[in-house]
Amino acid sequence: MSDNMNRFLGDTPARVLLKLILISLFVGVVMSAFNWSPLDILYGFENFARRIWNLGFGAIERFADYFLLGAIVVVPCFIILRLLSYRR
């Protein structure tokens, strides 16, 4: 059982706990120095996702505008050319 636990954690539970404590202390000091909070990180991810979402739909909207602008010219020309070649 403990061999499976060590394999899962990557080391003994005591050493993993010690590493987690030290890393948590370091991250806490850095976050305090930059005056960050966990909610700031969550809000940052939310804003990032919202910007990507809006950017994606903005790109789709521009694509649709270009497509419709071109289709206004291309589709009637295609129909006219097909009608002219159909008579032959």
N, C-alpha and C. Protein backbone atom coordinates (compact mmCIF):
# COMPACT_ATOMS: atom_id res chain seq x y z
N MET A 1 0.82 -1.20 0.00
CA MET A 1 0.00 0.00 0.00
C MET A 1 0.86 1.25 0.00
N SER A 2 1.89 1.29 0.86
CA SER A 2 2.72 2.49 0.93
C SER A 2 3.56 2.64 -0.35
N ASP A 3 3.90 1.51 -0.99
CA ASP A 3 4.65 1.59 -2.25
C ASP A 3 3.79 2.25 -3.33
N ASN A 4 2.51 1.90 -3.37
CA ASN A 4 1.60 2.54 -4.32
C ASN A 4 1.43 4.03 -4.00
N MET A 5 1.37 4.36 -2.71
CA MET A 5 1.23 5.75 -2.29
C MET A 5 2.48 6.55 -2.68
N ASN A 6 3.64 5.98 -2.46
CA ASN A 6 4.89 6.65 -2.84
C ASN A 6 4.96 6.84 -4.35
N ARG A 7 4.54 5.85 -5.10
CA ARG A 7 4.55 5.96 -6.56
C ARG A 7 3.58 7.05 -7.02
N PHE A 8 2.42 7.10 -6.38
CA PHE A 8 1.42 8.11 -6.75
C PHE A 8 1.91 9.51 -6.43
N LEU A 9 2.49 9.72 -5.25
CA LEU A 9 2.94 11.04 -4.84
C LEU A 9 4.29 11.43 -5.45
N GLY A 10 5.09 10.44 -5.82
CA GLY A 10 6.40 10.72 -6.37
C GLY A 10 7.50 10.69 -5.34
N ASP A 11 7.15 10.56 -4.07
CA ASP A 11 8.11 10.49 -2.97
C ASP A 11 7.33 10.06 -1.73
N THR A 12 8.00 10.03 -0.60
CA THR A 12 7.29 9.66 0.63
C THR A 12 6.33 10.77 1.01
N PRO A 13 5.24 10.44 1.69
CA PRO A 13 4.27 11.48 2.06
C PRO A 13 4.88 12.62 2.89
N ALA A 14 5.81 12.31 3.79
CA ALA A 14 6.41 13.35 4.62
C ALA A 14 7.24 14.32 3.76
N ARG A 15 8.00 13.81 2.83
CA ARG A 15 8.82 14.67 1.98
C ARG A 15 7.94 15.50 1.04
N VAL A 16 6.88 14.89 0.53
CA VAL A 16 5.96 15.65 -0.34
C VAL A 16 5.31 16.76 0.46
N LEU A 17 4.90 16.48 1.69
CA LEU A 17 4.29 17.49 2.55
C LEU A 17 5.26 18.63 2.82
N LEU A 18 6.52 18.31 3.10
CA LEU A 18 7.54 19.33 3.34
C LEU A 18 7.75 20.19 2.10
N LYS A 19 7.82 19.58 0.93
CA LYS A 19 7.98 20.32 -0.32
C LYS A 19 6.79 21.24 -0.57
N LEU A 20 5.59 20.73 -0.33
CA LEU A 20 4.39 21.55 -0.52
C LEU A 20 4.37 22.74 0.43
N ILE A 21 4.81 22.54 1.68
CA ILE A 21 4.85 23.64 2.64
C ILE A 21 5.83 24.71 2.17
N LEU A 22 7.03 24.30 1.74
CA LEU A 22 8.04 25.27 1.31
C LEU A 22 7.59 26.02 0.06
N ILE A 23 7.02 25.32 -0.90
CA ILE A 23 6.56 25.97 -2.13
C ILE A 23 5.40 26.92 -1.82
N SER A 24 4.49 26.51 -0.93
CA SER A 24 3.36 27.37 -0.55
C SER A 24 3.85 28.64 0.13
N LEU A 25 4.86 28.51 0.98
CA LEU A 25 5.43 29.67 1.65
C LEU A 25 6.06 30.62 0.63
N PHE A 26 6.82 30.09 -0.30
CA PHE A 26 7.45 30.92 -1.35
C PHE A 26 6.40 31.62 -2.20
N VAL A 27 5.39 30.89 -2.64
CA VAL A 27 4.33 31.47 -3.47
C VAL A 27 3.57 32.54 -2.69
N GLY A 28 3.33 32.29 -1.40
CA GLY A 28 2.65 33.28 -0.56
C GLY A 28 3.44 34.57 -0.43
N VAL A 29 4.77 34.46 -0.28
CA VAL A 29 5.62 35.65 -0.19
C VAL A 29 5.60 36.43 -1.51
N VAL A 30 5.71 35.73 -2.63
CA VAL A 30 5.69 36.39 -3.94
C VAL A 30 4.35 37.07 -4.17
N MET A 31 3.25 36.38 -3.86
CA MET A 31 1.93 36.97 -4.06
C MET A 31 1.73 38.18 -3.15
N SER A 32 2.23 38.11 -1.95
CA SER A 32 2.13 39.24 -1.04
C SER A 32 2.96 40.42 -1.54
N ALA A 33 4.13 40.15 -2.10
CA ALA A 33 4.98 41.22 -2.62
C ALA A 33 4.32 41.95 -3.78
N PHE A 34 3.59 41.23 -4.61
CA PHE A 34 2.90 41.85 -5.75
C PHE A 34 1.47 42.27 -5.41
N ASN A 35 1.09 42.08 -4.16
CA ASN A 35 -0.26 42.43 -3.68
C ASN A 35 -1.34 41.73 -4.49
N TRP A 36 -1.12 40.45 -4.74
CA TRP A 36 -2.09 39.62 -5.45
C TRP A 36 -2.88 38.79 -4.45
N SER A 37 -4.09 38.45 -4.84
CA SER A 37 -4.89 37.53 -4.04
C SER A 37 -5.37 36.40 -4.96
N PRO A 38 -5.80 35.29 -4.38
CA PRO A 38 -6.32 34.21 -5.24
C PRO A 38 -7.50 34.66 -6.10
N LEU A 39 -8.32 35.57 -5.59
CA LEU A 39 -9.44 36.07 -6.40
C LEU A 39 -8.94 36.87 -7.59
N ASP A 40 -7.83 37.60 -7.43
CA ASP A 40 -7.26 38.33 -8.57
C ASP A 40 -6.87 37.37 -9.68
N ILE A 41 -6.33 36.23 -9.30
CA ILE A 41 -5.94 35.23 -10.30
C ILE A 41 -7.17 34.69 -11.00
N LEU A 42 -8.22 34.39 -10.24
CA LEU A 42 -9.46 33.90 -10.85
C LEU A 42 -10.08 34.94 -11.78
N TYR A 43 -10.09 36.20 -11.34
CA TYR A 43 -10.63 37.26 -12.18
C TYR A 43 -9.78 37.43 -13.44
N GLY A 44 -8.47 37.25 -13.31
CA GLY A 44 -7.59 37.33 -14.47
C GLY A 44 -7.91 36.25 -15.48
N PHE A 45 -8.12 35.01 -15.01
CA PHE A 45 -8.50 33.93 -15.91
C PHE A 45 -9.86 34.20 -16.56
N GLU A 46 -10.78 34.74 -15.77
CA GLU A 46 -12.11 35.04 -16.32
C GLU A 46 -12.01 36.10 -17.41
N ASN A 47 -11.24 37.16 -17.15
CA ASN A 47 -11.07 38.22 -18.17
C ASN A 47 -10.37 37.68 -19.41
N PHE A 48 -9.37 36.82 -19.21
CA PHE A 48 -8.67 36.23 -20.34
C PHE A 48 -9.62 35.39 -21.19
N ALA A 49 -10.43 34.57 -20.55
CA ALA A 49 -11.39 33.73 -21.29
C ALA A 49 -12.42 34.60 -22.01
N ARG A 50 -12.86 35.66 -21.35
CA ARG A 50 -13.85 36.54 -21.97
C ARG A 50 -13.25 37.25 -23.19
N ARG A 51 -12.00 37.69 -23.11
CA ARG A 51 -11.35 38.35 -24.25
C ARG A 51 -11.16 37.38 -25.41
N ILE A 52 -10.75 36.16 -25.12
CA ILE A 52 -10.60 35.15 -26.17
C ILE A 52 -11.94 34.88 -26.81
N TRP A 53 -12.98 34.74 -26.00
CA TRP A 53 -14.33 34.48 -26.50
C TRP A 53 -14.78 35.62 -27.43
N ASN A 54 -14.61 36.85 -26.97
CA ASN A 54 -15.02 38.00 -27.79
C ASN A 54 -14.17 38.14 -29.04
N LEU A 55 -12.88 37.88 -28.91
CA LEU A 55 -12.01 37.95 -30.07
C LEU A 55 -12.40 36.90 -31.10
N GLY A 56 -12.73 35.71 -30.64
CA GLY A 56 -13.13 34.65 -31.55
C GLY A 56 -14.38 35.00 -32.32
N PHE A 57 -15.38 35.52 -31.63
CA PHE A 57 -16.61 35.87 -32.32
C PHE A 57 -16.44 37.12 -33.17
N GLY A 58 -15.54 38.01 -32.78
CA GLY A 58 -15.25 39.16 -33.62
C GLY A 58 -14.61 38.72 -34.93
N ALA A 59 -13.73 37.73 -34.86
CA ALA A 59 -13.09 37.20 -36.07
C ALA A 59 -14.12 36.51 -36.96
N ILE A 60 -15.04 35.78 -36.36
CA ILE A 60 -16.09 35.11 -37.14
C ILE A 60 -16.99 36.15 -37.80
N GLU A 61 -17.28 37.22 -37.07
CA GLU A 61 -18.12 38.28 -37.64
C GLU A 61 -17.43 38.95 -38.82
N ARG A 62 -16.12 39.23 -38.69
CA ARG A 62 -15.38 39.81 -39.82
C ARG A 62 -15.35 38.86 -41.00
N PHE A 63 -15.15 37.57 -40.73
CA PHE A 63 -15.15 36.57 -41.79
C PHE A 63 -16.49 36.56 -42.50
N ALA A 64 -17.58 36.60 -41.74
CA ALA A 64 -18.91 36.58 -42.33
C ALA A 64 -19.14 37.84 -43.17
N ASP A 65 -18.65 38.99 -42.69
CA ASP A 65 -18.80 40.22 -43.47
C ASP A 65 -18.07 40.12 -44.80
N TYR A 66 -16.84 39.63 -44.79
CA TYR A 66 -16.07 39.48 -46.03
C TYR A 66 -16.74 38.47 -46.95
N PHE A 67 -17.23 37.37 -46.38
CA PHE A 67 -17.89 36.34 -47.16
C PHE A 67 -19.13 36.90 -47.86
N LEU A 68 -19.97 37.60 -47.12
CA LEU A 68 -21.19 38.15 -47.71
C LEU A 68 -20.88 39.22 -48.75
N LEU A 69 -19.87 40.04 -48.49
CA LEU A 69 -19.48 41.06 -49.45
C LEU A 69 -19.03 40.43 -50.76
N GLY A 70 -18.23 39.38 -50.67
CA GLY A 70 -17.79 38.68 -51.88
C GLY A 70 -18.91 37.92 -52.54
N ALA A 71 -19.80 37.32 -51.75
CA ALA A 71 -20.90 36.53 -52.31
C ALA A 71 -21.87 37.40 -53.10
N ILE A 72 -22.00 38.65 -52.70
CA ILE A 72 -22.90 39.56 -53.42
C ILE A 72 -22.43 39.74 -54.87
N VAL A 73 -21.14 39.65 -55.09
CA VAL A 73 -20.60 39.80 -56.44
C VAL A 73 -20.47 38.45 -57.13
N VAL A 74 -19.97 37.46 -56.42
CA VAL A 74 -19.62 36.17 -57.04
C VAL A 74 -20.86 35.36 -57.43
N VAL A 75 -21.85 35.27 -56.58
CA VAL A 75 -23.01 34.42 -56.85
C VAL A 75 -23.79 34.89 -58.08
N PRO A 76 -24.11 36.17 -58.21
CA PRO A 76 -24.79 36.59 -59.45
C PRO A 76 -23.95 36.36 -60.71
N CYS A 77 -22.63 36.60 -60.62
CA CYS A 77 -21.76 36.33 -61.78
C CYS A 77 -21.77 34.85 -62.12
N PHE A 78 -21.74 33.99 -61.12
CA PHE A 78 -21.78 32.55 -61.35
C PHE A 78 -23.08 32.14 -62.03
N ILE A 79 -24.19 32.68 -61.54
CA ILE A 79 -25.49 32.34 -62.12
C ILE A 79 -25.57 32.82 -63.57
N ILE A 80 -25.11 34.03 -63.81
CA ILE A 80 -25.13 34.56 -65.19
C ILE A 80 -24.26 33.71 -66.10
N LEU A 81 -23.06 33.35 -65.66
CA LEU A 81 -22.17 32.54 -66.48
C LEU A 81 -22.77 31.14 -66.72
N ARG A 82 -23.41 30.56 -65.73
CA ARG A 82 -24.03 29.26 -65.91
C ARG A 82 -25.20 29.33 -66.90
N LEU A 83 -25.97 30.41 -66.83
CA LEU A 83 -27.09 30.58 -67.77
C LEU A 83 -26.57 30.77 -69.20
N LEU A 84 -25.50 31.52 -69.33
CA LEU A 84 -24.93 31.74 -70.68
C LEU A 84 -24.32 30.46 -71.23
N SER A 85 -23.69 29.65 -70.41
CA SER A 85 -23.09 28.40 -70.91
C SER A 85 -24.15 27.30 -71.07
N TYR A 86 -25.29 27.41 -70.45
CA TYR A 86 -26.35 26.43 -70.56
C TYR A 86 -26.98 26.46 -71.96
N ARG A 87 -27.03 27.62 -72.58
CA ARG A 87 -27.64 27.76 -73.89
C ARG A 87 -26.81 27.07 -74.96
N ARG A 88 -25.56 26.85 -74.73
CA ARG A 88 -24.71 26.27 -75.76
C ARG A 88 -24.88 24.82 -75.87
